[in-house]
Amino acid sequence: AVTDKWVRTGMALDGGADLVLELPTVWSTASAERFASGAMAILGATGVVDTLSFGSECGDIAPLLALAHCLNSPEFSQTLRRELRPKRSFAQCRRQAAAQLLGEQTAALLDTPNNNLGTEYLRFLPPNMEAVTIPRQGAGHDSVAERDGFPSASLLRQHLRSGDVTS
């Protein structure tokens, strides 16, 4: 973050946000699964949110929903147990298990950060909430480049830290 949470909250409210919620540290610094679980629990508890909107690299809700349902299934748990091996990361084993159940193309969505986080949001989506995704455009996560006129957040922070606020 470029500034503290109080300034960011003010900016969000000035920009038209109706509500700003803080995700407690225990969830905000955790894995995508725990982050999403905490975020969706808070949103669901408010009782005022009926639609979750998030950005994803694919921009298509259907395969992300398929992944979410798969990851929540008993079949996935069994397949994942068979895939867990030494010298392989959990993410690699998880992706391989998803590929066995859904195919390589759908499992490959887990390789990109926003598709992965979106899938986790959908795993914990409250039953009374709908979800939509919009395609994420521009430079990739943590890129220090610009693509199609859209810089990454990392590039923007780099400019701000160097005092370059004209780019």
Protein backbone atom coordinates (compact mmCIF):
# COMPACT_ATOMS: atom_id res chain seq x y z
CA ALA A 1 0.00 0.00 0.00
CA VAL A 2 1.17 3.50 -0.78
CA THR A 3 -0.52 5.11 2.22
CA ASP A 4 -2.20 4.10 5.48
CA LYS A 5 -5.63 2.49 5.71
CA TRP A 6 -7.30 5.67 6.93
CA VAL A 7 -6.22 7.69 3.88
CA ARG A 8 -7.14 4.81 1.53
CA THR A 9 -10.57 4.56 3.19
CA GLY A 10 -11.13 8.28 2.70
CA MET A 11 -10.10 8.00 -0.94
CA ALA A 12 -12.51 5.09 -1.48
CA LEU A 13 -15.40 6.97 0.13
CA ASP A 14 -14.55 10.14 -1.83
CA GLY A 15 -14.56 7.99 -4.97
CA GLY A 16 -18.12 6.78 -4.35
CA ALA A 17 -17.73 3.65 -2.21
CA ASP A 18 -20.70 3.10 0.10
CA LEU A 19 -18.85 0.88 2.55
CA VAL A 20 -15.23 0.05 3.34
CA LEU A 21 -14.45 -3.05 5.38
CA GLU A 22 -11.13 -4.12 6.86
CA LEU A 23 -10.01 -7.71 6.51
CA PRO A 24 -8.29 -8.68 9.78
CA THR A 25 -4.58 -9.47 9.57
CA VAL A 26 -5.09 -13.14 10.33
CA TRP A 27 -6.82 -13.45 6.92
CA SER A 28 -5.21 -10.63 4.94
CA THR A 29 -1.71 -12.08 5.31
CA ALA A 30 -2.70 -15.70 4.76
CA SER A 31 -3.00 -17.92 1.68
CA ALA A 32 -5.51 -17.15 -1.06
CA GLU A 33 -7.81 -19.78 0.43
CA ARG A 34 -7.78 -18.22 3.91
CA PHE A 35 -7.92 -14.67 2.50
CA ALA A 36 -11.02 -15.53 0.47
CA SER A 37 -12.63 -17.48 3.30
CA GLY A 38 -12.30 -14.52 5.67
CA ALA A 39 -13.39 -11.97 3.08
CA MET A 40 -16.48 -13.91 2.08
CA ALA A 41 -17.42 -14.55 5.72
CA ILE A 42 -17.29 -10.82 6.43
CA LEU A 43 -19.22 -9.89 3.28
CA GLY A 44 -21.85 -12.53 4.01
CA ALA A 45 -22.22 -11.36 7.61
CA THR A 46 -23.01 -7.79 6.54
CA GLY A 47 -26.27 -8.92 4.98
CA VAL A 48 -26.07 -6.06 2.47
CA VAL A 49 -23.99 -7.59 -0.31
CA ASP A 50 -25.87 -9.50 -3.00
CA THR A 51 -23.23 -9.60 -5.76
CA LEU A 52 -19.50 -10.18 -5.63
CA SER A 53 -17.55 -8.68 -8.52
CA PHE A 54 -13.87 -9.44 -9.01
CA GLY A 55 -11.27 -9.22 -11.73
CA SER A 56 -9.74 -12.31 -13.29
CA GLU A 57 -7.34 -13.02 -16.10
CA CYS A 58 -9.90 -15.21 -17.91
CA GLY A 59 -12.91 -12.91 -17.45
CA ASP A 60 -15.30 -15.90 -17.56
CA ILE A 61 -17.18 -17.01 -14.45
CA ALA A 62 -18.13 -20.50 -15.71
CA PRO A 63 -14.70 -22.20 -15.58
CA LEU A 64 -13.91 -20.50 -12.27
CA LEU A 65 -17.16 -21.84 -10.81
CA ALA A 66 -16.31 -25.30 -12.14
CA LEU A 67 -12.93 -25.09 -10.41
CA ALA A 68 -14.51 -23.91 -7.16
CA HIS A 69 -17.02 -26.76 -7.14
CA CYS A 70 -14.25 -29.22 -7.97
CA LEU A 71 -11.97 -27.97 -5.17
CA ASN A 72 -14.83 -28.33 -2.69
CA SER A 73 -15.68 -31.89 -3.77
CA PRO A 74 -14.81 -35.14 -1.98
CA GLU A 75 -13.40 -36.44 -5.29
CA PHE A 76 -10.90 -33.61 -5.31
CA SER A 77 -9.78 -34.35 -1.75
CA GLN A 78 -9.18 -37.99 -2.66
CA THR A 79 -7.34 -37.11 -5.87
CA LEU A 80 -5.23 -34.51 -4.08
CA ARG A 81 -4.18 -37.04 -1.43
CA ARG A 82 -2.88 -39.31 -4.19
CA GLU A 83 -0.96 -36.41 -5.78
CA LEU A 84 0.81 -35.20 -2.63
CA ARG A 85 4.45 -36.19 -2.96
CA PRO A 86 7.79 -35.02 -1.64
CA LYS A 87 9.58 -32.34 -3.67
CA ARG A 88 6.32 -31.03 -5.13
CA SER A 89 4.64 -27.91 -3.86
CA PHE A 90 1.07 -28.01 -2.64
CA ALA A 91 0.13 -25.73 -5.56
CA GLN A 92 1.60 -28.21 -8.07
CA CYS A 93 -0.21 -31.13 -6.48
CA ARG A 94 -3.46 -29.18 -6.32
CA ARG A 95 -3.22 -28.18 -9.98
CA GLN A 96 -2.48 -31.77 -11.04
CA ALA A 97 -5.46 -33.07 -9.09
CA ALA A 98 -7.71 -30.44 -10.69
CA ALA A 99 -6.35 -31.37 -14.14
CA GLN A 100 -7.26 -35.00 -13.57
CA LEU A 101 -10.84 -34.05 -12.71
CA LEU A 102 -11.47 -31.08 -15.03
CA GLY A 103 -8.82 -31.22 -17.73
CA GLU A 104 -5.61 -29.30 -18.28
CA GLN A 105 -7.18 -26.16 -19.74
CA THR A 106 -9.42 -25.51 -16.75
CA ALA A 107 -6.75 -26.48 -14.20
CA ALA A 108 -4.32 -24.04 -15.85
CA LEU A 109 -6.51 -21.19 -14.61
CA LEU A 110 -5.00 -21.81 -11.17
CA ASP A 111 -1.62 -20.64 -12.54
CA THR A 112 -2.61 -16.97 -12.58
CA PRO A 113 -3.12 -14.99 -9.37
CA ASN A 114 -6.48 -13.35 -10.03
CA ASN A 115 -8.07 -16.52 -11.44
CA ASN A 116 -6.76 -18.40 -8.42
CA LEU A 117 -8.09 -15.86 -5.91
CA GLY A 118 -11.40 -15.63 -7.76
CA THR A 119 -11.77 -19.39 -7.60
CA GLU A 120 -11.19 -19.21 -3.85
CA TYR A 121 -13.82 -16.46 -3.48
CA LEU A 122 -16.28 -18.71 -5.31
CA ARG A 123 -15.48 -21.65 -3.04
CA PHE A 124 -16.75 -19.62 -0.07
CA LEU A 125 -19.50 -17.62 -1.81
CA PRO A 126 -22.52 -17.38 0.50
CA PRO A 127 -25.63 -19.05 -0.94
CA ASN A 128 -27.55 -15.76 -1.17
CA MET A 129 -24.80 -14.02 -3.18
CA GLU A 130 -24.15 -14.01 -6.93
CA ALA A 131 -20.75 -13.53 -8.55
CA VAL A 132 -19.50 -11.89 -11.71
CA THR A 133 -15.98 -11.49 -13.00
CA ILE A 134 -14.51 -8.92 -15.30
CA PRO A 135 -11.38 -9.46 -17.38
CA ARG A 136 -8.26 -8.03 -15.83
CA GLN A 137 -6.44 -5.91 -18.37
CA GLY A 138 -2.91 -4.62 -18.62
CA ALA A 139 0.34 -5.71 -17.07
CA GLY A 140 0.40 -8.85 -14.98
CA HIS A 141 0.58 -9.10 -11.22
CA ASP A 142 3.85 -7.70 -9.82
CA SER A 143 5.05 -6.73 -13.31
CA VAL A 144 7.16 -3.60 -13.55
CA ALA A 145 5.95 -3.01 -17.08
CA GLU A 146 2.96 -1.57 -18.87
CA ARG A 147 0.75 -3.49 -21.27
CA ASP A 148 -1.97 -2.07 -23.51
CA GLY A 149 -1.72 1.26 -21.70
CA PHE A 150 -2.35 -0.27 -18.28
CA PRO A 151 0.52 -0.34 -15.78
CA SER A 152 0.67 -2.85 -12.96
CA ALA A 153 0.16 -1.69 -9.38
CA SER A 154 3.83 -2.51 -8.78
CA LEU A 155 4.88 -0.11 -11.53
CA LEU A 156 2.61 2.61 -10.18
CA ARG A 157 4.10 2.19 -6.68
CA GLN A 158 7.59 2.33 -8.17
CA HIS A 159 6.75 5.66 -9.88
CA LEU A 160 5.24 7.08 -6.69
CA ARG A 161 8.24 6.08 -4.57
CA SER A 162 10.61 7.73 -7.03
CA GLY A 163 8.54 10.93 -6.98
CA ASP A 164 7.37 10.48 -10.57
CA VAL A 165 3.67 11.28 -10.43
CA THR A 166 3.37 12.36 -14.07
CA SER A 167 3.59 8.93 -15.75
